[in-house]
Protein backbone atom coordinates (compact mmCIF):
# COMPACT_ATOMS: atom_id res chain seq x y z
CA VAL A 1 -36.63 -32.10 -42.05
CA SER A 2 -37.84 -31.23 -38.56
CA ALA A 3 -34.98 -33.21 -37.01
CA GLN A 4 -32.47 -31.47 -39.30
CA ASN A 5 -33.84 -28.08 -38.25
CA CYS A 6 -33.58 -29.04 -34.57
CA ARG A 7 -29.96 -30.16 -35.05
CA LYS A 8 -29.18 -26.94 -36.95
CA HIS A 9 -30.73 -24.78 -34.18
CA LYS A 10 -28.87 -26.79 -31.54
CA LEU A 11 -25.58 -26.35 -33.42
CA ASN A 12 -26.22 -22.59 -33.79
CA ALA A 13 -26.99 -22.34 -30.08
CA ILE A 14 -23.73 -24.16 -29.24
CA LEU A 15 -21.75 -21.90 -31.56
CA ASN A 16 -23.34 -18.79 -30.01
CA LEU A 17 -22.50 -20.05 -26.53
CA GLU A 18 -18.89 -20.73 -27.56
CA GLU A 19 -18.63 -17.17 -28.92
CA ASP A 20 -20.05 -15.84 -25.66
CA ILE A 21 -17.47 -17.87 -23.72
CA CYS A 22 -14.64 -16.39 -25.80
CA LYS A 23 -15.94 -12.86 -25.29
CA LEU A 24 -16.31 -13.41 -21.54
CA GLN A 25 -12.81 -14.87 -21.26
CA THR A 26 -11.42 -11.81 -23.06
CA GLN A 27 -13.41 -9.54 -20.76
CA LYS A 28 -12.15 -11.47 -17.73
CA LYS A 29 -8.51 -10.99 -18.82
CA SER A 30 -9.13 -7.29 -19.35
CA LEU A 31 -10.75 -6.93 -15.94
CA LYS A 32 -7.87 -8.79 -14.28
CA LYS A 33 -5.39 -6.38 -15.89
CA GLU A 34 -7.47 -3.41 -14.77
CA HIS A 35 -7.69 -4.82 -11.24
CA ALA A 36 -3.92 -5.29 -11.11
CA GLN A 37 -3.38 -1.70 -12.30
CA CYS A 38 -5.81 -0.38 -9.69
CA SER A 39 -4.09 -2.39 -6.97
CA ARG A 40 -0.71 -0.99 -8.01
CA SER A 41 -2.13 2.54 -8.02
CA ILE A 42 -3.61 2.08 -4.56
CA THR A 43 -0.31 0.74 -3.25
CA GLN A 44 1.54 3.74 -4.72
CA MET A 45 -0.98 6.18 -3.25
CA LYS A 46 -0.71 4.55 0.16
CA GLN A 47 3.08 4.82 -0.01
CA LYS A 48 2.90 8.48 -1.05
CA LEU A 49 0.42 9.22 1.72
CA ASN A 50 2.63 7.45 4.25
CA ASN A 51 5.67 9.41 3.04
CA LEU A 52 3.69 12.67 3.27
CA TYR A 53 2.50 11.77 6.77
CA CYS A 54 6.08 11.01 7.87
CA ASP A 55 7.34 14.25 6.31
CA ILE A 56 4.68 16.33 8.02
CA SER A 57 5.16 14.54 11.33
CA SER A 58 8.92 15.14 11.22
CA ARG A 59 8.31 18.89 10.97
CA LEU A 60 5.79 19.13 13.82
CA ARG A 61 6.80 20.25 17.31
CA ASP A 62 4.98 20.10 20.64
CA ASP A 63 4.56 23.00 23.08
CA GLN A 64 8.13 22.61 24.34
CA GLY A 65 9.59 22.53 20.80
CA ARG A 66 10.29 18.79 20.81
CA PRO A 67 9.53 16.72 17.69
CA VAL A 68 6.11 15.05 17.74
CA ASN A 69 6.25 11.24 17.83
CA PRO A 70 4.24 10.02 14.81
CA HIS A 71 3.55 6.74 16.63
CA GLN A 72 1.72 8.56 19.43
CA TYR A 73 -0.21 11.18 17.43
CA VAL A 74 -2.34 11.33 14.30
CA ILE A 75 -3.00 14.23 11.98
CA HIS A 76 -6.72 14.96 11.71
CA CYS A 77 -8.28 17.15 9.03
CA SER A 78 -11.76 18.48 9.80
CA SER A 79 -14.48 19.28 7.29
CA ASN A 80 -13.69 23.00 7.52
CA SER A 81 -10.04 22.35 6.46
CA SER A 82 -8.64 22.75 9.97
CA VAL A 83 -5.74 20.45 10.83
CA PHE A 84 -5.20 19.05 14.34
CA ILE A 85 -2.70 16.77 16.01
CA ILE A 86 -4.56 14.31 18.21
CA PRO A 87 -3.14 11.63 20.51
CA LYS A 88 -3.89 8.19 19.08
CA HIS A 89 -5.58 6.95 22.24
CA LEU A 90 -8.16 9.75 21.95
CA VAL A 91 -8.86 8.94 18.31
CA LYS A 92 -9.50 5.28 19.14
CA SER A 93 -11.99 6.16 21.87
CA GLU A 94 -13.77 8.64 19.57
CA GLN A 95 -14.03 5.96 16.88
CA LYS A 96 -15.52 3.53 19.36
CA GLN A 97 -18.12 6.11 20.40
CA ASP A 98 -18.95 6.89 16.76
CA ASN A 99 -19.34 3.17 16.03
CA LYS A 100 -21.73 2.79 18.99
CA LYS A 101 -23.81 5.74 17.74
CA GLU A 102 -23.98 4.24 14.24
CA ARG A 103 -25.10 0.88 15.60
CA LYS A 104 -27.85 2.50 17.67
CA GLN A 105 -29.11 4.41 14.63
CA LYS A 106 -29.40 1.20 12.59
């Protein structure tokens, strides 16, 4: 009787584990679908942002009225909602300085 009970408990444990496996496989499929949707959304947002950046850049003019080259400048939005056009080489050096400050603080 004891051996039969052990076999029955073992069989129940195996069945429970098989159910868990099925549930986890279903959850995995669902998460993969969600991940794919998120990836598509991110790609679309990046494309929209790039299009917006190109549209804004095409309308900007320098002091002499010439179009601003989007490959040489970046659009920077500050925390107080001010918008600036900054040469890319200045942005890179500012980022390097900020990274050094962050490393020192750690």
